[in-house]
Amino acid sequence: MIEITALASGSTGNCYRVTDGKTPLLLEAGINYKQIQRGLNYQVTSLAGCLVSHGHADHAKAVKDMVKAGIDCYMSLGTIGALGISGHRIKPVKAKEQFKLGTWTILPFDTVHDAAEPLGFLLANRAGDKLLYLTDTAYCRYRFRRLTHLMLEANHSLDILRENVANGTVPVDLKNRIIRTHFGLDNVKEFLRANDLSRVQEIWLIHLSSENSHAQRFKTEIQQLTGKPTYIA
């Protein structure tokens, strides 16, 4: 059993609570600490830890506050350096080196983003459930087996992005950065086709752009492609 709760998702901030019923974790701390407190019903100290994918503010804004609250925060050395933080609550992790956190076994893996040493995470619990967390990446070079839950960035659709460039809403330079650094709808579909979905129970689409996406369309297209329950964070 895995339960996912989105506290915030998108370019203004990302933060998700996940639990297997025994070990609750936070994925990202990209909103202010008071929002996190409210989202967790003021039970921040119940968390076993916080995983941070990279150092951009919409993923790491409240890391220092989480540390002050006594929560261990796990991230790459590149992210630690980018945030300029230290202390015994900051736990460096490396791509392809798994570690245990409560009832979870967590495997970080490298992603492709304009940040210092960004990571995705594969979380497995003792019951055999596997959660993949993949965000802020141009593509994913890895394939995964026996996944049960997916949290995938679906930042944009190329047709919407091009239309916004044409009407002047999005500058060309920004469009190019988005394509180079973020997972779009086409990427999500390609990734899903390439991976084993036989055990998947649910798919969460996260980090949708406020301008370059369409939530209902994305949900419908992914559900039609996979036949799996799909949720928008």
C-alpha atoms as a PDB file:
ATOM      1  CA  MET A   1       0.000   0.000   0.000  1.00  0.00           C
ATOM      2  CA  ILE A   2       1.286   3.440  -0.967  1.00  0.00           C
ATOM      3  CA  GLU A   3      -0.606   6.648  -0.273  1.00  0.00           C
ATOM      4  CA  ILE A   4       0.326   9.860  -2.074  1.00  0.00           C
ATOM      5  CA  THR A   5      -0.801  13.343  -1.018  1.00  0.00           C
ATOM      6  CA  ALA A   6       0.125  16.420  -3.051  1.00  0.00           C
ATOM      7  CA  LEU A   7       0.673  19.496  -0.896  1.00  0.00           C
ATOM      8  CA  ALA A   8       1.777  21.540  -3.915  1.00  0.00           C
ATOM      9  CA  SER A   9       2.800  20.898  -7.510  1.00  0.00           C
ATOM     10  CA  GLY A  10       4.033  23.166 -10.283  1.00  0.00           C
ATOM     11  CA  SER A  11       6.541  25.912 -10.972  1.00  0.00           C
ATOM     12  CA  THR A  12       5.474  27.854  -7.863  1.00  0.00           C
ATOM     13  CA  GLY A  13       6.312  24.959  -5.553  1.00  0.00           C
ATOM     14  CA  ASN A  14       6.435  21.185  -5.199  1.00  0.00           C
ATOM     15  CA  CYS A  15       5.841  19.093  -2.104  1.00  0.00           C
ATOM     16  CA  TYR A  16       4.335  15.619  -1.711  1.00  0.00           C
ATOM     17  CA  ARG A  17       3.744  13.311   1.234  1.00  0.00           C
ATOM     18  CA  VAL A  18       4.103   9.595   0.582  1.00  0.00           C
ATOM     19  CA  THR A  19       3.668   6.728   3.008  1.00  0.00           C
ATOM     20  CA  ASP A  20       3.495   2.954   2.958  1.00  0.00           C
ATOM     21  CA  GLY A  21       1.420   3.042   6.148  1.00  0.00           C
ATOM     22  CA  LYS A  22       4.527   2.771   8.297  1.00  0.00           C
ATOM     23  CA  THR A  23       7.116   5.324   7.173  1.00  0.00           C
ATOM     24  CA  PRO A  24       5.847   8.740   5.997  1.00  0.00           C
ATOM     25  CA  LEU A  25       8.214  10.788   3.834  1.00  0.00           C
ATOM     26  CA  LEU A  26       8.183  14.151   2.131  1.00  0.00           C
ATOM     27  CA  LEU A  27       9.245  14.418  -1.500  1.00  0.00           C
ATOM     28  CA  GLU A  28      10.533  17.967  -2.011  1.00  0.00           C
ATOM     29  CA  ALA A  29      10.210  21.001   0.233  1.00  0.00           C
ATOM     30  CA  GLY A  30       9.486  23.625  -2.392  1.00  0.00           C
ATOM     31  CA  ILE A  31       6.866  25.673  -0.536  1.00  0.00           C
ATOM     32  CA  ASN A  32       7.158  27.728   2.623  1.00  0.00           C
ATOM     33  CA  TYR A  33       7.348  25.911   5.915  1.00  0.00           C
ATOM     34  CA  LYS A  34       3.991  27.163   7.182  1.00  0.00           C
ATOM     35  CA  GLN A  35       2.304  25.652   4.124  1.00  0.00           C
ATOM     36  CA  ILE A  36       4.034  22.361   4.827  1.00  0.00           C
ATOM     37  CA  GLN A  37       2.868  22.476   8.432  1.00  0.00           C
ATOM     38  CA  ARG A  38      -0.720  23.059   7.371  1.00  0.00           C
ATOM     39  CA  GLY A  39      -0.546  20.392   4.682  1.00  0.00           C
ATOM     40  CA  LEU A  40       0.671  17.845   7.229  1.00  0.00           C
ATOM     41  CA  ASN A  41      -1.916  18.865   9.818  1.00  0.00           C
ATOM     42  CA  TYR A  42       0.944  20.206  11.960  1.00  0.00           C
ATOM     43  CA  GLN A  43       2.532  16.761  12.260  1.00  0.00           C
ATOM     44  CA  VAL A  44       5.849  17.545  10.577  1.00  0.00           C
ATOM     45  CA  THR A  45       7.787  15.588  13.195  1.00  0.00           C
ATOM     46  CA  SER A  46       5.978  12.407  12.124  1.00  0.00           C
ATOM     47  CA  LEU A  47       8.084  12.401   8.950  1.00  0.00           C
ATOM     48  CA  ALA A  48      10.999   9.985   8.705  1.00  0.00           C
ATOM     49  CA  GLY A  49      12.750  12.269   6.238  1.00  0.00           C
ATOM     50  CA  CYS A  50      12.553  14.510   3.176  1.00  0.00           C
ATOM     51  CA  LEU A  51      13.954  13.696  -0.269  1.00  0.00           C
ATOM     52  CA  VAL A  52      15.017  16.658  -2.415  1.00  0.00           C
ATOM     53  CA  SER A  53      15.567  16.200  -6.147  1.00  0.00           C
ATOM     54  CA  HIS A  54      17.592  19.371  -6.757  1.00  0.00           C
ATOM     55  CA  GLY A  55      18.328  22.839  -5.487  1.00  0.00           C
ATOM     56  CA  HIS A  56      15.849  25.061  -7.329  1.00  0.00           C
ATOM     57  CA  ALA A  57      13.588  27.011  -4.981  1.00  0.00           C
ATOM     58  CA  ASP A  58      10.372  25.346  -6.154  1.00  0.00           C
ATOM     59  CA  HIS A  59      11.800  22.079  -4.801  1.00  0.00           C
ATOM     60  CA  ALA A  60      14.019  23.172  -1.926  1.00  0.00           C
ATOM     61  CA  LYS A  61      12.618  26.423  -0.536  1.00  0.00           C
ATOM     62  CA  ALA A  62      11.930  25.094   2.970  1.00  0.00           C
ATOM     63  CA  VAL A  63      14.892  22.731   3.400  1.00  0.00           C
ATOM     64  CA  LYS A  64      16.543  24.902   6.051  1.00  0.00           C
ATOM     65  CA  ASP A  65      13.293  25.101   8.003  1.00  0.00           C
ATOM     66  CA  MET A  66      12.812  21.343   7.732  1.00  0.00           C
ATOM     67  CA  VAL A  67      16.289  20.831   9.158  1.00  0.00           C
ATOM     68  CA  LYS A  68      15.520  23.225  12.008  1.00  0.00           C
ATOM     69  CA  ALA A  69      12.405  21.168  12.720  1.00  0.00           C
ATOM     70  CA  GLY A  70      14.603  18.088  13.145  1.00  0.00           C
ATOM     71  CA  ILE A  71      13.836  16.394   9.823  1.00  0.00           C
ATOM     72  CA  ASP A  72      16.654  14.617   7.972  1.00  0.00           C
ATOM     73  CA  CYS A  73      16.882  15.849   4.374  1.00  0.00           C
ATOM     74  CA  TYR A  74      18.394  13.618   1.682  1.00  0.00           C
ATOM     75  CA  MET A  75      19.946  15.096  -1.461  1.00  0.00           C
ATOM     76  CA  SER A  76      22.997  14.977  -3.707  1.00  0.00           C
ATOM     77  CA  LEU A  77      26.264  16.720  -2.887  1.00  0.00           C
ATOM     78  CA  GLY A  78      25.565  19.035  -5.819  1.00  0.00           C
ATOM     79  CA  THR A  79      22.268  20.088  -4.273  1.00  0.00           C
ATOM     80  CA  ILE A  80      23.884  20.545  -0.869  1.00  0.00           C
ATOM     81  CA  GLY A  81      26.469  22.828  -2.430  1.00  0.00           C
ATOM     82  CA  ALA A  82      23.873  24.771  -4.405  1.00  0.00           C
ATOM     83  CA  LEU A  83      21.845  25.388  -1.261  1.00  0.00           C
ATOM     84  CA  GLY A  84      24.898  26.225   0.841  1.00  0.00           C
ATOM     85  CA  ILE A  85      23.737  24.124   3.767  1.00  0.00           C
ATOM     86  CA  SER A  86      25.404  21.805   6.237  1.00  0.00           C
ATOM     87  CA  GLY A  87      24.743  19.961   9.470  1.00  0.00           C
ATOM     88  CA  HIS A  88      23.985  16.484  10.719  1.00  0.00           C
ATOM     89  CA  ARG A  89      20.415  16.612   9.354  1.00  0.00           C
ATOM     90  CA  ILE A  90      21.691  16.986   5.786  1.00  0.00           C
ATOM     91  CA  LYS A  91      22.217  13.512   4.363  1.00  0.00           C
ATOM     92  CA  PRO A  92      24.197  13.274   1.100  1.00  0.00           C
ATOM     93  CA  VAL A  93      23.147  10.515  -1.293  1.00  0.00           C
ATOM     94  CA  LYS A  94      24.559   9.362  -4.621  1.00  0.00           C
ATOM     95  CA  ALA A  95      22.967   8.209  -7.847  1.00  0.00           C
ATOM     96  CA  LYS A  96      22.740   4.408  -8.083  1.00  0.00           C
ATOM     97  CA  GLU A  97      23.636   3.928  -4.396  1.00  0.00           C
ATOM     98  CA  GLN A  98      20.564   2.748  -2.528  1.00  0.00           C
ATOM     99  CA  PHE A  99      19.876   3.461   1.128  1.00  0.00           C
ATOM    100  CA  LYS A 100      17.237   2.534   3.683  1.00  0.00           C
ATOM    101  CA  LEU A 101      14.879   4.918   5.407  1.00  0.00           C
ATOM    102  CA  GLY A 102      12.450   3.240   7.751  1.00  0.00           C
ATOM    103  CA  THR A 103      10.547   0.610   5.782  1.00  0.00           C
ATOM    104  CA  TRP A 104      11.667   2.101   2.446  1.00  0.00           C
ATOM    105  CA  THR A 105      14.626   1.130   0.302  1.00  0.00           C
ATOM    106  CA  ILE A 106      15.450   4.139  -1.865  1.00  0.00           C
ATOM    107  CA  LEU A 107      17.500   4.211  -5.045  1.00  0.00           C
ATOM    108  CA  PRO A 108      18.467   7.679  -6.307  1.00  0.00           C
ATOM    109  CA  PHE A 109      19.248   8.002 -10.011  1.00  0.00           C
ATOM    110  CA  ASP A 110      20.587  10.810 -12.171  1.00  0.00           C
ATOM    111  CA  THR A 111      18.289  13.074 -14.193  1.00  0.00           C
ATOM    112  CA  VAL A 112      18.888  15.788 -16.806  1.00  0.00           C
ATOM    113  CA  HIS A 113      18.152  19.326 -15.618  1.00  0.00           C
ATOM    114  CA  ASP A 114      19.875  22.722 -15.376  1.00  0.00           C
ATOM    115  CA  ALA A 115      20.748  22.167 -11.728  1.00  0.00           C
ATOM    116  CA  ALA A 116      23.721  20.736  -9.844  1.00  0.00           C
ATOM    117  CA  GLU A 117      23.504  16.928  -9.667  1.00  0.00           C
ATOM    118  CA  PRO A 118      19.712  16.473  -9.873  1.00  0.00           C
ATOM    119  CA  LEU A 119      18.137  13.162  -8.891  1.00  0.00           C
ATOM    120  CA  GLY A 120      15.045  11.052  -9.300  1.00  0.00           C
ATOM    121  CA  PHE A 121      14.063   8.418  -6.736  1.00  0.00           C
ATOM    122  CA  LEU A 122      12.818   4.834  -6.815  1.00  0.00           C
ATOM    123  CA  LEU A 123      11.196   3.857  -3.522  1.00  0.00           C
ATOM    124  CA  ALA A 124      10.421   0.247  -2.628  1.00  0.00           C
ATOM    125  CA  ASN A 125       8.679  -0.958   0.526  1.00  0.00           C
ATOM    126  CA  ARG A 126       8.671  -4.338   2.251  1.00  0.00           C
ATOM    127  CA  ALA A 127       5.308  -5.286   0.743  1.00  0.00           C
ATOM    128  CA  GLY A 128       6.793  -5.190  -2.768  1.00  0.00           C
ATOM    129  CA  ASP A 129       5.314  -1.866  -3.838  1.00  0.00           C
ATOM    130  CA  LYS A 130       7.533   0.388  -5.952  1.00  0.00           C
ATOM    131  CA  LEU A 131       7.080   4.129  -6.386  1.00  0.00           C
ATOM    132  CA  LEU A 132       8.957   6.020  -9.093  1.00  0.00           C
ATOM    133  CA  TYR A 133       9.429   9.772  -8.618  1.00  0.00           C
ATOM    134  CA  LEU A 134      10.689  11.535 -11.750  1.00  0.00           C
ATOM    135  CA  THR A 135      10.582  15.288 -12.256  1.00  0.00           C
ATOM    136  CA  ASP A 136      12.488  18.181 -13.832  1.00  0.00           C
ATOM    137  CA  THR A 137      14.349  16.222 -16.459  1.00  0.00           C
ATOM    138  CA  ALA A 138      14.665  16.406 -20.238  1.00  0.00           C
ATOM    139  CA  TYR A 139      14.535  12.619 -20.530  1.00  0.00           C
ATOM    140  CA  CYS A 140      15.099   9.422 -18.534  1.00  0.00           C
ATOM    141  CA  ARG A 141      17.775   6.997 -19.637  1.00  0.00           C
ATOM    142  CA  TYR A 142      16.575   4.208 -17.329  1.00  0.00           C
ATOM    143  CA  ARG A 143      13.855   1.575 -17.487  1.00  0.00           C
ATOM    144  CA  PHE A 144      12.097   0.169 -14.455  1.00  0.00           C
ATOM    145  CA  ARG A 145      10.373  -3.129 -13.703  1.00  0.00           C
ATOM    146  CA  ARG A 146       7.470  -4.024 -11.430  1.00  0.00           C
ATOM    147  CA  LEU A 147       6.470  -0.448 -10.634  1.00  0.00           C
ATOM    148  CA  THR A 148       3.199  -0.007  -8.774  1.00  0.00           C
ATOM    149  CA  HIS A 149       3.023   3.793  -8.504  1.00  0.00           C
ATOM    150  CA  LEU A 150       4.418   6.523 -10.749  1.00  0.00           C
ATOM    151  CA  MET A 151       4.851  10.225 -10.108  1.00  0.00           C
ATOM    152  CA  LEU A 152       5.934  11.749 -13.417  1.00  0.00           C
ATOM    153  CA  GLU A 153       6.456  15.333 -14.443  1.00  0.00           C
ATOM    154  CA  ALA A 154       4.139  16.325 -17.303  1.00  0.00           C
ATOM    155  CA  ASN A 155       5.243  19.920 -17.582  1.00  0.00           C
ATOM    156  CA  HIS A 156       4.064  20.859 -21.055  1.00  0.00           C
ATOM    157  CA  SER A 157       2.783  19.809 -24.430  1.00  0.00           C
ATOM    158  CA  LEU A 158       4.767  20.870 -27.475  1.00  0.00           C
ATOM    159  CA  ASP A 159       1.691  22.031 -29.390  1.00  0.00           C
ATOM    160  CA  ILE A 160       0.575  24.290 -26.514  1.00  0.00           C
ATOM    161  CA  LEU A 161       4.121  25.547 -26.032  1.00  0.00           C
ATOM    162  CA  ARG A 162       4.499  26.404 -29.721  1.00  0.00           C
ATOM    163  CA  GLU A 163       1.137  28.159 -29.749  1.00  0.00           C
ATOM    164  CA  ASN A 164       2.220  30.248 -26.757  1.00  0.00           C
ATOM    165  CA  VAL A 165       5.440  31.189 -28.539  1.00  0.00           C
ATOM    166  CA  ALA A 166       3.442  32.188 -31.625  1.00  0.00           C
ATOM    167  CA  ASN A 167       1.080  34.418 -29.637  1.00  0.00           C
ATOM    168  CA  GLY A 168       3.895  35.984 -27.633  1.00  0.00           C
ATOM    169  CA  THR A 169       3.024  34.450 -24.262  1.00  0.00           C
ATOM    170  CA  VAL A 170       6.271  32.465 -24.033  1.00  0.00           C
ATOM    171  CA  PRO A 171       9.643  33.814 -25.287  1.00  0.00           C
ATOM    172  CA  VAL A 172      11.609  31.560 -27.621  1.00  0.00           C
ATOM    173  CA  ASP A 173      14.518  31.326 -25.165  1.00  0.00           C
ATOM    174  CA  LEU A 174      12.182  30.123 -22.432  1.00  0.00           C
ATOM    175  CA  LYS A 175      10.621  27.577 -24.778  1.00  0.00           C
ATOM    176  CA  ASN A 176      14.067  26.177 -25.555  1.00  0.00           C
ATOM    177  CA  ARG A 177      14.939  25.946 -21.846  1.00  0.00           C
ATOM    178  CA  ILE A 178      11.667  24.191 -21.061  1.00  0.00           C
ATOM    179  CA  ILE A 179      12.294  21.579 -23.747  1.00  0.00           C
ATOM    180  CA  ARG A 180      15.900  21.072 -22.591  1.00  0.00           C
ATOM    181  CA  THR A 181      15.107  20.699 -18.906  1.00  0.00           C
ATOM    182  CA  HIS A 182      11.545  19.465 -18.373  1.00  0.00           C
ATOM    183  CA  PHE A 183       9.571  16.303 -19.058  1.00  0.00           C
ATOM    184  CA  GLY A 184       6.693  16.990 -21.436  1.00  0.00           C
ATOM    185  CA  LEU A 185       3.611  14.990 -22.361  1.00  0.00           C
ATOM    186  CA  ASP A 186       5.348  13.308 -25.302  1.00  0.00           C
ATOM    187  CA  ASN A 187       8.211  12.278 -22.987  1.00  0.00           C
ATOM    188  CA  VAL A 188       5.729  10.817 -20.511  1.00  0.00           C
ATOM    189  CA  LYS A 189       4.051   8.744 -23.214  1.00  0.00           C
ATOM    190  CA  GLU A 190       7.368   7.474 -24.571  1.00  0.00           C
ATOM    191  CA  PHE A 191       8.527   6.614 -21.070  1.00  0.00           C
ATOM    192  CA  LEU A 192       5.329   4.743 -20.260  1.00  0.00           C
ATOM    193  CA  ARG A 193       5.483   2.750 -23.505  1.00  0.00           C
ATOM    194  CA  ALA A 194       9.063   1.726 -22.706  1.00  0.00           C
ATOM    195  CA  ASN A 195       8.441   0.518 -19.158  1.00  0.00           C
ATOM    196  CA  ASP A 196       6.726  -2.417 -17.473  1.00  0.00           C
ATOM    197  CA  LEU A 197       3.280  -1.210 -16.383  1.00  0.00           C
ATOM    198  CA  SER A 198       1.826  -4.632 -15.585  1.00  0.00           C
ATOM    199  CA  ARG A 199       1.641  -3.972 -11.839  1.00  0.00           C
ATOM    200  CA  VAL A 200       0.947  -0.245 -11.931  1.00  0.00           C
ATOM    201  CA  GLN A 201      -1.947   0.801  -9.705  1.00  0.00           C
ATOM    202  CA  GLU A 202      -1.916   4.549 -10.325  1.00  0.00           C
ATOM    203  CA  ILE A 203      -0.110   7.272 -12.212  1.00  0.00           C
ATOM    204  CA  TRP A 204       0.294  10.806 -10.896  1.00  0.00           C
ATOM    205  CA  LEU A 205       1.118  13.609 -13.319  1.00  0.00           C
ATOM    206  CA  ILE A 206       3.004  16.330 -11.479  1.00  0.00           C
ATOM    207  CA  HIS A 207       4.665  19.702 -12.062  1.00  0.00           C
ATOM    208  CA  LEU A 208       2.262  20.810 -14.824  1.00  0.00           C
ATOM    209  CA  SER A 209       3.018  24.258 -16.233  1.00  0.00           C
ATOM    210  CA  SER A 210       0.293  26.809 -15.584  1.00  0.00           C
ATOM    211  CA  GLU A 211       0.612  28.102 -19.173  1.00  0.00           C
ATOM    212  CA  ASN A 212       1.857  25.204 -21.273  1.00  0.00           C
ATOM    213  CA  SER A 213      -0.320  22.288 -20.172  1.00  0.00           C
ATOM    214  CA  HIS A 214      -3.951  21.180 -20.034  1.00  0.00           C
ATOM    215  CA  ALA A 215      -4.697  19.027 -17.009  1.00  0.00           C
ATOM    216  CA  GLN A 216      -7.853  17.285 -18.219  1.00  0.00           C
ATOM    217  CA  ARG A 217      -6.377  16.547 -21.629  1.00  0.00           C
ATOM    218  CA  PHE A 218      -3.182  15.156 -20.125  1.00  0.00           C
ATOM    219  CA  LYS A 219      -5.133  12.958 -17.715  1.00  0.00           C
ATOM    220  CA  THR A 220      -7.402  11.634 -20.465  1.00  0.00           C
ATOM    221  CA  GLU A 221      -4.561  10.870 -22.877  1.00  0.00           C
ATOM    222  CA  ILE A 222      -2.473   9.035 -20.271  1.00  0.00           C
ATOM    223  CA  GLN A 223      -5.441   7.026 -19.048  1.00  0.00           C
ATOM    224  CA  GLN A 224      -6.307   6.055 -22.625  1.00  0.00           C
ATOM    225  CA  LEU A 225      -2.701   5.070 -23.345  1.00  0.00           C
ATOM    226  CA  THR A 226      -2.164   2.987 -20.211  1.00  0.00           C
ATOM    227  CA  GLY A 227      -5.592   1.931 -18.971  1.00  0.00           C
ATOM    228  CA  LYS A 228      -4.404   2.963 -15.485  1.00  0.00           C
ATOM    229  CA  PRO A 229      -6.044   5.372 -13.019  1.00  0.00           C
ATOM    230  CA  THR A 230      -4.381   8.754 -13.545  1.00  0.00           C
ATOM    231  CA  TYR A 231      -4.371  11.723 -11.196  1.00  0.00           C
ATOM    232  CA  ILE A 232      -3.264  15.331 -11.593  1.00  0.00           C
ATOM    233  CA  ALA A 233      -1.317  16.820  -8.674  1.00  0.00           C
END
